[in-house]
Amino acid sequence: MTLDAGRRPASTTETRDANRAWWDAEAEDYHREHGDFLGDAGFVWGPEGWTEDELGLLDLAPGMTVLEIGAGAAQCSRRLVRDRDDVRVVASDLSRGMLRTAQRLDAGAGRPVPLLQCDGGRLPVADAAVDRVFTAYGVVPFVADSAAVLREAARVLRPGGRLVFSTSHPVRWAFPDVPGPEGLTATTSYFDRTPYVESSGGVVTYVEHHRTVGDLVRQVVGAGLVLLDLVEPEWPDRNPQTWGGWSPLRGRLLPGTLVVVAERPGAPRGA
């Protein structure tokens, strides 16, 4: 069946159903393709390869409860579980297929990662129940309403709690998604928010949504959060790998990843 791909509107339901099915089907292949880079228990914020150990964006403290949304196979949470026995970590994802891969990776582990299947925009978590919410390239670009995801994150965070999420840098949407020189010439308006949609036989099979940097900042503020930082990781010389449209060539000239760090106002516990 012919795959159709291009920019067109996609509803919340189309987006959710397509992406859940896509990640269910692709979970094991995705791990086989990218597992060496991500590691079975590695916390990488994006294709540039910068880790949480290097960037320290979560700012964890003993006794904290941490929720990962859009966790995929839970590599980031697994790294936290293995490195930090003084925090509680739960990994969640919309895709049952990705969570099955997470269970496989956890087989025989002394401390398996607690897993939760849920929509990032509708978390089955009590108000003010966690200290940290994070996602590394999960949820935000794969939902039609990222503002709702940020509001949910704000709801479940305790006062003083922190949200950290990474996503494709919005400027990349103005350029062809290819790693070579042809990916260095802007061909599309940065301000065109029309999502990228793949379909087969008239059925939507994959969707990514675009927001500008300004859109994301307004969504953070609209969720009642305080913006702490916008991180644009530079491409390190140590990383020679190409991942889809990300490459050393493009990464040294254009930002590939945006990491947003925000906080729920109020004094944290024990302050």
C-alpha atoms as a PDB file:
ATOM      1  CA  MET A   1       0.000   0.000   0.000  1.00  0.00           C
ATOM      2  CA  THR A   2       1.346   3.446  -0.922  1.00  0.00           C
ATOM      3  CA  LEU A   3       2.550   5.678   1.886  1.00  0.00           C
ATOM      4  CA  ASP A   4       1.426   9.279   1.617  1.00  0.00           C
ATOM      5  CA  ALA A   5       3.430  11.845   3.582  1.00  0.00           C
ATOM      6  CA  GLY A   6       3.119  15.597   3.867  1.00  0.00           C
ATOM      7  CA  ARG A   7       1.795  18.539   5.837  1.00  0.00           C
ATOM      8  CA  ARG A   8      -1.927  18.569   6.623  1.00  0.00           C
ATOM      9  CA  PRO A   9      -4.197  19.021   9.647  1.00  0.00           C
ATOM     10  CA  ALA A  10      -4.637  16.084  12.046  1.00  0.00           C
ATOM     11  CA  SER A  11      -7.096  15.887  14.909  1.00  0.00           C
ATOM     12  CA  THR A  12      -6.383  14.873  18.489  1.00  0.00           C
ATOM     13  CA  THR A  13      -7.969  11.454  17.928  1.00  0.00           C
ATOM     14  CA  GLU A  14      -6.168  10.835  14.624  1.00  0.00           C
ATOM     15  CA  THR A  15      -2.879  11.788  16.225  1.00  0.00           C
ATOM     16  CA  ARG A  16      -3.324   9.655  19.335  1.00  0.00           C
ATOM     17  CA  ASP A  17      -4.561   6.544  17.519  1.00  0.00           C
ATOM     18  CA  ALA A  18      -1.956   6.740  14.763  1.00  0.00           C
ATOM     19  CA  ASN A  19       1.005   7.276  17.046  1.00  0.00           C
ATOM     20  CA  ARG A  20      -0.046   4.610  19.540  1.00  0.00           C
ATOM     21  CA  ALA A  21      -0.344   2.057  16.713  1.00  0.00           C
ATOM     22  CA  TRP A  22       2.911   3.216  15.083  1.00  0.00           C
ATOM     23  CA  TRP A  23       4.967   2.933  18.283  1.00  0.00           C
ATOM     24  CA  ASP A  24       3.317  -0.392  19.165  1.00  0.00           C
ATOM     25  CA  ALA A  25       4.434  -1.796  15.813  1.00  0.00           C
ATOM     26  CA  GLU A  26       7.876  -0.166  15.736  1.00  0.00           C
ATOM     27  CA  ALA A  27       8.984  -0.687  19.340  1.00  0.00           C
ATOM     28  CA  GLU A  28      11.395  -3.564  18.836  1.00  0.00           C
ATOM     29  CA  ASP A  29      12.740  -2.305  15.499  1.00  0.00           C
ATOM     30  CA  TYR A  30      13.303   1.122  17.052  1.00  0.00           C
ATOM     31  CA  HIS A  31      15.312  -0.432  19.865  1.00  0.00           C
ATOM     32  CA  ARG A  32      17.358  -2.523  17.439  1.00  0.00           C
ATOM     33  CA  GLU A  33      18.148   0.576  15.358  1.00  0.00           C
ATOM     34  CA  HIS A  34      18.896   3.027  18.174  1.00  0.00           C
ATOM     35  CA  GLY A  35      19.630   0.796  21.157  1.00  0.00           C
ATOM     36  CA  ASP A  36      23.402   1.148  20.902  1.00  0.00           C
ATOM     37  CA  PHE A  37      23.115   4.932  21.060  1.00  0.00           C
ATOM     38  CA  LEU A  38      20.433   5.099  23.741  1.00  0.00           C
ATOM     39  CA  GLY A  39      21.694   2.203  25.818  1.00  0.00           C
ATOM     40  CA  ASP A  40      19.378  -0.098  27.733  1.00  0.00           C
ATOM     41  CA  ALA A  41      19.838   2.136  30.750  1.00  0.00           C
ATOM     42  CA  GLY A  42      20.983   5.493  29.390  1.00  0.00           C
ATOM     43  CA  PHE A  43      19.604   8.970  29.983  1.00  0.00           C
ATOM     44  CA  VAL A  44      20.213  10.900  26.749  1.00  0.00           C
ATOM     45  CA  TRP A  45      18.362  14.169  26.125  1.00  0.00           C
ATOM     46  CA  GLY A  46      18.623  14.074  22.330  1.00  0.00           C
ATOM     47  CA  PRO A  47      20.526  12.932  19.227  1.00  0.00           C
ATOM     48  CA  GLU A  48      23.453  15.186  20.153  1.00  0.00           C
ATOM     49  CA  GLY A  49      24.222  12.670  22.921  1.00  0.00           C
ATOM     50  CA  TRP A  50      24.231  14.934  25.974  1.00  0.00           C
ATOM     51  CA  THR A  51      23.264  12.977  29.083  1.00  0.00           C
ATOM     52  CA  GLU A  52      21.495  13.949  32.281  1.00  0.00           C
ATOM     53  CA  ASP A  53      24.726  13.212  34.154  1.00  0.00           C
ATOM     54  CA  GLU A  54      26.371  15.970  32.101  1.00  0.00           C
ATOM     55  CA  LEU A  55      23.555  18.531  32.071  1.00  0.00           C
ATOM     56  CA  GLY A  56      21.968  17.933  35.486  1.00  0.00           C
ATOM     57  CA  LEU A  57      18.636  19.435  34.455  1.00  0.00           C
ATOM     58  CA  LEU A  58      16.433  17.418  36.813  1.00  0.00           C
ATOM     59  CA  ASP A  59      18.276  18.617  39.926  1.00  0.00           C
ATOM     60  CA  LEU A  60      17.259  15.547  41.934  1.00  0.00           C
ATOM     61  CA  ALA A  61      17.351  15.287  45.700  1.00  0.00           C
ATOM     62  CA  PRO A  62      16.863  12.277  48.005  1.00  0.00           C
ATOM     63  CA  GLY A  63      13.245  11.285  48.627  1.00  0.00           C
ATOM     64  CA  MET A  64      11.877  12.726  45.393  1.00  0.00           C
ATOM     65  CA  THR A  65       9.228  11.041  43.256  1.00  0.00           C
ATOM     66  CA  VAL A  66       9.924  11.196  39.516  1.00  0.00           C
ATOM     67  CA  LEU A  67       7.491  10.569  36.638  1.00  0.00           C
ATOM     68  CA  GLU A  68       8.680  10.035  33.079  1.00  0.00           C
ATOM     69  CA  ILE A  69       6.053  10.554  30.372  1.00  0.00           C
ATOM     70  CA  GLY A  70       6.541   9.310  26.823  1.00  0.00           C
ATOM     71  CA  ALA A  71       9.195   6.995  28.242  1.00  0.00           C
ATOM     72  CA  GLY A  72       9.410   4.598  25.310  1.00  0.00           C
ATOM     73  CA  ALA A  73      11.387   1.600  26.534  1.00  0.00           C
ATOM     74  CA  ALA A  74      12.172   3.524  29.742  1.00  0.00           C
ATOM     75  CA  GLN A  75      15.921   3.832  29.226  1.00  0.00           C
ATOM     76  CA  CYS A  76      16.044   7.175  31.046  1.00  0.00           C
ATOM     77  CA  SER A  77      14.037   5.960  34.021  1.00  0.00           C
ATOM     78  CA  ARG A  78      16.047   2.739  34.116  1.00  0.00           C
ATOM     79  CA  ARG A  79      19.233   4.760  34.418  1.00  0.00           C
ATOM     80  CA  LEU A  80      17.758   6.705  37.333  1.00  0.00           C
ATOM     81  CA  VAL A  81      16.577   3.511  39.022  1.00  0.00           C
ATOM     82  CA  ARG A  82      20.027   1.950  38.710  1.00  0.00           C
ATOM     83  CA  ASP A  83      21.928   5.059  39.794  1.00  0.00           C
ATOM     84  CA  ARG A  84      19.647   6.495  42.461  1.00  0.00           C
ATOM     85  CA  ASP A  85      18.219   4.291  45.202  1.00  0.00           C
ATOM     86  CA  ASP A  86      17.129   7.438  47.055  1.00  0.00           C
ATOM     87  CA  VAL A  87      14.397   8.490  44.567  1.00  0.00           C
ATOM     88  CA  ARG A  88      11.177   6.822  43.389  1.00  0.00           C
ATOM     89  CA  VAL A  89      10.774   6.583  39.611  1.00  0.00           C
ATOM     90  CA  VAL A  90       7.784   5.618  37.429  1.00  0.00           C
ATOM     91  CA  ALA A  91       7.941   5.449  33.612  1.00  0.00           C
ATOM     92  CA  SER A  92       4.796   5.930  31.526  1.00  0.00           C
ATOM     93  CA  ASP A  93       3.982   5.720  27.830  1.00  0.00           C
ATOM     94  CA  LEU A  94       0.933   5.614  25.580  1.00  0.00           C
ATOM     95  CA  SER A  95       2.317   2.625  23.651  1.00  0.00           C
ATOM     96  CA  ARG A  96       1.900  -0.855  25.084  1.00  0.00           C
ATOM     97  CA  GLY A  97       4.474  -2.081  22.570  1.00  0.00           C
ATOM     98  CA  MET A  98       7.128   0.263  23.947  1.00  0.00           C
ATOM     99  CA  LEU A  99       6.317  -0.801  27.501  1.00  0.00           C
ATOM    100  CA  ARG A 100       6.650  -4.465  26.484  1.00  0.00           C
ATOM    101  CA  THR A 101      10.138  -3.638  25.246  1.00  0.00           C
ATOM    102  CA  ALA A 102      10.791  -1.953  28.585  1.00  0.00           C
ATOM    103  CA  GLN A 103       9.654  -5.105  30.394  1.00  0.00           C
ATOM    104  CA  ARG A 104      11.963  -7.199  28.234  1.00  0.00           C
ATOM    105  CA  LEU A 105      14.913  -4.949  29.027  1.00  0.00           C
ATOM    106  CA  ASP A 106      14.032  -5.207  32.707  1.00  0.00           C
ATOM    107  CA  ALA A 107      13.879  -9.012  32.713  1.00  0.00           C
ATOM    108  CA  GLY A 108      16.034 -10.260  35.564  1.00  0.00           C
ATOM    109  CA  ALA A 109      16.774  -6.758  36.824  1.00  0.00           C
ATOM    110  CA  GLY A 110      17.160  -6.391  40.563  1.00  0.00           C
ATOM    111  CA  ARG A 111      15.121  -3.187  40.498  1.00  0.00           C
ATOM    112  CA  PRO A 112      12.778  -3.187  37.488  1.00  0.00           C
ATOM    113  CA  VAL A 113      11.265   0.123  36.430  1.00  0.00           C
ATOM    114  CA  PRO A 114       7.626   0.575  37.512  1.00  0.00           C
ATOM    115  CA  LEU A 115       5.616   1.070  34.304  1.00  0.00           C
ATOM    116  CA  LEU A 116       2.331   2.834  33.614  1.00  0.00           C
ATOM    117  CA  GLN A 117       0.433   2.911  30.316  1.00  0.00           C
ATOM    118  CA  CYS A 118      -1.365   6.226  29.903  1.00  0.00           C
ATOM    119  CA  ASP A 119      -1.891   9.254  27.708  1.00  0.00           C
ATOM    120  CA  GLY A 120       0.488  12.090  28.581  1.00  0.00           C
ATOM    121  CA  GLY A 121      -2.434  14.487  28.390  1.00  0.00           C
ATOM    122  CA  ARG A 122      -4.503  12.500  30.881  1.00  0.00           C
ATOM    123  CA  LEU A 123      -2.282  11.251  33.677  1.00  0.00           C
ATOM    124  CA  PRO A 124      -3.857   8.887  36.234  1.00  0.00           C
ATOM    125  CA  VAL A 125      -1.871  10.620  38.969  1.00  0.00           C
ATOM    126  CA  ALA A 126      -3.150  12.660  41.919  1.00  0.00           C
ATOM    127  CA  ASP A 127      -2.691  16.411  42.136  1.00  0.00           C
ATOM    128  CA  ALA A 128       0.659  17.552  43.553  1.00  0.00           C
ATOM    129  CA  ALA A 129       1.931  13.970  43.818  1.00  0.00           C
ATOM    130  CA  VAL A 130       5.382  14.106  42.201  1.00  0.00           C
ATOM    131  CA  ASP A 131       8.515  16.246  42.410  1.00  0.00           C
ATOM    132  CA  ARG A 132       9.757  15.858  38.849  1.00  0.00           C
ATOM    133  CA  VAL A 133       8.110  15.215  35.473  1.00  0.00           C
ATOM    134  CA  PHE A 134      10.321  14.735  32.443  1.00  0.00           C
ATOM    135  CA  THR A 135      10.353  13.420  28.908  1.00  0.00           C
ATOM    136  CA  ALA A 136      13.208  13.087  26.418  1.00  0.00           C
ATOM    137  CA  TYR A 137      11.710  13.467  22.931  1.00  0.00           C
ATOM    138  CA  GLY A 138       8.456  11.893  24.128  1.00  0.00           C
ATOM    139  CA  VAL A 139       4.855  13.129  24.080  1.00  0.00           C
ATOM    140  CA  VAL A 140       5.285  16.827  23.158  1.00  0.00           C
ATOM    141  CA  PRO A 141       5.798  16.488  19.375  1.00  0.00           C
ATOM    142  CA  PHE A 142       3.417  13.521  19.133  1.00  0.00           C
ATOM    143  CA  VAL A 143       0.229  15.098  20.478  1.00  0.00           C
ATOM    144  CA  ALA A 144      -2.178  17.571  18.901  1.00  0.00           C
ATOM    145  CA  ASP A 145      -2.526  19.512  22.165  1.00  0.00           C
ATOM    146  CA  SER A 146       0.835  19.896  23.880  1.00  0.00           C
ATOM    147  CA  ALA A 147      -0.622  22.655  26.067  1.00  0.00           C
ATOM    148  CA  ALA A 148      -2.843  20.022  27.700  1.00  0.00           C
ATOM    149  CA  VAL A 149       0.222  17.871  28.398  1.00  0.00           C
ATOM    150  CA  LEU A 150       1.954  20.784  30.109  1.00  0.00           C
ATOM    151  CA  ARG A 151      -1.144  21.536  32.175  1.00  0.00           C
ATOM    152  CA  GLU A 152      -1.263  17.902  33.297  1.00  0.00           C
ATOM    153  CA  ALA A 153       2.409  18.000  34.232  1.00  0.00           C
ATOM    154  CA  ALA A 154       1.796  21.167  36.236  1.00  0.00           C
ATOM    155  CA  ARG A 155      -1.191  19.583  37.970  1.00  0.00           C
ATOM    156  CA  VAL A 156       0.702  16.516  39.215  1.00  0.00           C
ATOM    157  CA  LEU A 157       3.785  18.495  40.291  1.00  0.00           C
ATOM    158  CA  ARG A 158       4.183  19.535  43.897  1.00  0.00           C
ATOM    159  CA  PRO A 159       4.943  23.206  44.603  1.00  0.00           C
ATOM    160  CA  GLY A 160       8.581  23.746  43.716  1.00  0.00           C
ATOM    161  CA  GLY A 161       8.473  20.712  41.421  1.00  0.00           C
ATOM    162  CA  ARG A 162      10.178  20.734  38.049  1.00  0.00           C
ATOM    163  CA  LEU A 163       9.190  19.823  34.483  1.00  0.00           C
ATOM    164  CA  VAL A 164      11.922  19.130  31.933  1.00  0.00           C
ATOM    165  CA  PHE A 165      11.186  18.114  28.351  1.00  0.00           C
ATOM    166  CA  SER A 166      13.249  17.863  25.191  1.00  0.00           C
ATOM    167  CA  THR A 167      11.891  17.977  21.665  1.00  0.00           C
ATOM    168  CA  SER A 168      13.039  18.609  18.125  1.00  0.00           C
ATOM    169  CA  HIS A 169      14.156  22.216  17.946  1.00  0.00           C
ATOM    170  CA  PRO A 170      11.310  24.124  16.255  1.00  0.00           C
ATOM    171  CA  VAL A 171      13.661  25.797  13.770  1.00  0.00           C
ATOM    172  CA  ARG A 172      14.269  22.389  12.173  1.00  0.00           C
ATOM    173  CA  TRP A 173      10.759  22.481  10.713  1.00  0.00           C
ATOM    174  CA  ALA A 174      11.868  25.175   8.267  1.00  0.00           C
ATOM    175  CA  PHE A 175      14.501  22.850   6.766  1.00  0.00           C
ATOM    176  CA  PRO A 176      14.302  19.515   4.909  1.00  0.00           C
ATOM    177  CA  ASP A 177      14.667  16.608   7.333  1.00  0.00           C
ATOM    178  CA  VAL A 178      17.823  15.252   5.745  1.00  0.00           C
ATOM    179  CA  PRO A 179      21.329  15.074   7.232  1.00  0.00           C
ATOM    180  CA  GLY A 180      23.348  16.313   4.244  1.00  0.00           C
ATOM    181  CA  PRO A 181      23.991  19.770   2.735  1.00  0.00           C
ATOM    182  CA  GLU A 182      20.480  19.913   1.245  1.00  0.00           C
ATOM    183  CA  GLY A 183      19.215  20.027   4.828  1.00  0.00           C
ATOM    184  CA  LEU A 184      20.856  23.415   5.356  1.00  0.00           C
ATOM    185  CA  THR A 185      18.550  25.476   3.141  1.00  0.00           C
ATOM    186  CA  ALA A 186      15.201  26.592   4.553  1.00  0.00           C
ATOM    187  CA  THR A 187      12.318  25.570   2.299  1.00  0.00           C
ATOM    188  CA  THR A 188       9.261  25.943   4.590  1.00  0.00           C
ATOM    189  CA  SER A 189       7.991  28.743   6.792  1.00  0.00           C
ATOM    190  CA  TYR A 190       9.033  28.353  10.416  1.00  0.00           C
ATOM    191  CA  PHE A 191       5.613  29.784  11.302  1.00  0.00           C
ATOM    192  CA  ASP A 192       3.625  27.080   9.475  1.00  0.00           C
ATOM    193  CA  ARG A 193       2.168  24.970  12.307  1.00  0.00           C
ATOM    194  CA  THR A 194       0.622  22.385   9.972  1.00  0.00           C
ATOM    195  CA  PRO A 195       1.630  18.940  11.281  1.00  0.00           C
ATOM    196  CA  TYR A 196       3.550  16.309   9.358  1.00  0.00           C
ATOM    197  CA  VAL A 197       1.271  13.357   8.601  1.00  0.00           C
ATOM    198  CA  GLU A 198       1.884   9.918   7.124  1.00  0.00           C
ATOM    199  CA  SER A 199      -1.052   7.837   5.915  1.00  0.00           C
ATOM    200  CA  SER A 200      -1.644   4.573   4.108  1.00  0.00           C
ATOM    201  CA  GLY A 201      -4.831   3.715   2.289  1.00  0.00           C
ATOM    202  CA  GLY A 202      -6.429   6.865   3.651  1.00  0.00           C
ATOM    203  CA  VAL A 203      -5.656   5.877   7.253  1.00  0.00           C
ATOM    204  CA  VAL A 204      -3.356   8.151   9.273  1.00  0.00           C
ATOM    205  CA  THR A 205      -0.393   6.127  10.535  1.00  0.00           C
ATOM    206  CA  TYR A 206       2.001   8.711  12.050  1.00  0.00           C
ATOM    207  CA  VAL A 207       1.828  12.373  13.081  1.00  0.00           C
ATOM    208  CA  GLU A 208       4.247  14.999  14.405  1.00  0.00           C
ATOM    209  CA  HIS A 209       3.136  18.481  15.441  1.00  0.00           C
ATOM    210  CA  HIS A 210       5.120  21.694  15.158  1.00  0.00           C
ATOM    211  CA  ARG A 211       5.175  24.587  17.623  1.00  0.00           C
ATOM    212  CA  THR A 212       7.464  27.579  17.541  1.00  0.00           C
ATOM    213  CA  VAL A 213       9.701  28.403  20.497  1.00  0.00           C
ATOM    214  CA  GLY A 214       7.281  31.181  21.377  1.00  0.00           C
ATOM    215  CA  ASP A 215       4.353  28.750  21.292  1.00  0.00           C
ATOM    216  CA  LEU A 216       6.093  26.438  23.765  1.00  0.00           C
ATOM    217  CA  VAL A 217       7.017  29.289  26.097  1.00  0.00           C
ATOM    218  CA  ARG A 218       3.416  30.528  26.103  1.00  0.00           C
ATOM    219  CA  GLN A 219       2.171  26.992  26.804  1.00  0.00           C
ATOM    220  CA  VAL A 220       4.551  26.659  29.745  1.00  0.00           C
ATOM    221  CA  VAL A 221       3.395  29.973  31.192  1.00  0.00           C
ATOM    222  CA  GLY A 222      -0.248  29.158  30.420  1.00  0.00           C
ATOM    223  CA  ALA A 223       0.095  25.959  32.451  1.00  0.00           C
ATOM    224  CA  GLY A 224       0.996  28.064  35.482  1.00  0.00           C
ATOM    225  CA  LEU A 225       4.671  27.145  35.390  1.00  0.00           C
ATOM    226  CA  VAL A 226       7.722  29.397  35.656  1.00  0.00           C
ATOM    227  CA  LEU A 227      10.213  29.068  32.813  1.00  0.00           C
ATOM    228  CA  LEU A 228      13.706  28.453  34.223  1.00  0.00           C
ATOM    229  CA  ASP A 229      15.762  27.722  31.126  1.00  0.00           C
ATOM    230  CA  LEU A 230      15.764  27.028  27.397  1.00  0.00           C
ATOM    231  CA  VAL A 231      18.696  24.770  26.557  1.00  0.00           C
ATOM    232  CA  GLU A 232      19.933  24.390  22.964  1.00  0.00           C
ATOM    233  CA  PRO A 233      22.628  21.698  23.157  1.00  0.00           C
ATOM    234  CA  GLU A 234      25.478  22.129  20.699  1.00  0.00           C
ATOM    235  CA  TRP A 235      26.668  19.136  18.701  1.00  0.00           C
ATOM    236  CA  PRO A 236      29.721  17.695  20.498  1.00  0.00           C
ATOM    237  CA  ASP A 237      32.837  16.736  18.572  1.00  0.00           C
ATOM    238  CA  ARG A 238      32.728  13.293  20.200  1.00  0.00           C
ATOM    239  CA  ASN A 239      29.511  12.329  18.338  1.00  0.00           C
ATOM    240  CA  PRO A 240      30.042  11.237  14.701  1.00  0.00           C
ATOM    241  CA  GLN A 241      26.634   9.582  14.339  1.00  0.00           C
ATOM    242  CA  THR A 242      23.764  10.492  12.044  1.00  0.00           C
ATOM    243  CA  TRP A 243      20.221   9.917  13.302  1.00  0.00           C
ATOM    244  CA  GLY A 244      17.560  10.614  10.681  1.00  0.00           C
ATOM    245  CA  GLY A 245      17.867  14.304   9.863  1.00  0.00           C
ATOM    246  CA  TRP A 246      20.286  14.953  12.721  1.00  0.00           C
ATOM    247  CA  SER A 247      23.961  14.879  11.778  1.00  0.00           C
ATOM    248  CA  PRO A 248      27.306  16.419  12.766  1.00  0.00           C
ATOM    249  CA  LEU A 249      27.129  18.624   9.656  1.00  0.00           C
ATOM    250  CA  ARG A 250      23.764  20.138  10.519  1.00  0.00           C
ATOM    251  CA  GLY A 251      24.311  19.999  14.271  1.00  0.00           C
ATOM    252  CA  ARG A 252      27.337  22.291  14.104  1.00  0.00           C
ATOM    253  CA  LEU A 253      25.332  24.929  12.218  1.00  0.00           C
ATOM    254  CA  LEU A 254      21.738  24.591  13.417  1.00  0.00           C
ATOM    255  CA  PRO A 255      20.166  23.668  16.758  1.00  0.00           C
ATOM    256  CA  GLY A 256      18.628  20.196  16.652  1.00  0.00           C
ATOM    257  CA  THR A 257      17.156  19.903  20.134  1.00  0.00           C
ATOM    258  CA  LEU A 258      15.351  22.232  22.504  1.00  0.00           C
ATOM    259  CA  VAL A 259      15.197  21.383  26.214  1.00  0.00           C
ATOM    260  CA  VAL A 260      12.657  23.309  28.287  1.00  0.00           C
ATOM    261  CA  VAL A 261      13.080  23.552  32.066  1.00  0.00           C
ATOM    262  CA  ALA A 262      10.147  24.875  34.096  1.00  0.00           C
ATOM    263  CA  GLU A 263       8.983  24.899  37.696  1.00  0.00           C
ATOM    264  CA  ARG A 264       5.675  24.938  39.543  1.00  0.00           C
ATOM    265  CA  PRO A 265       5.667  27.996  41.806  1.00  0.00           C
ATOM    266  CA  GLY A 266       5.781  27.525  45.549  1.00  0.00           C
ATOM    267  CA  ALA A 267       8.161  26.272  48.180  1.00  0.00           C
ATOM    268  CA  PRO A 268       9.251  22.626  47.821  1.00  0.00           C
ATOM    269  CA  ARG A 269       8.777  20.156  50.640  1.00  0.00           C
ATOM    270  CA  GLY A 270      11.062  20.730  53.556  1.00  0.00           C
ATOM    271  CA  ALA A 271      11.871  24.291  52.528  1.00  0.00           C
END
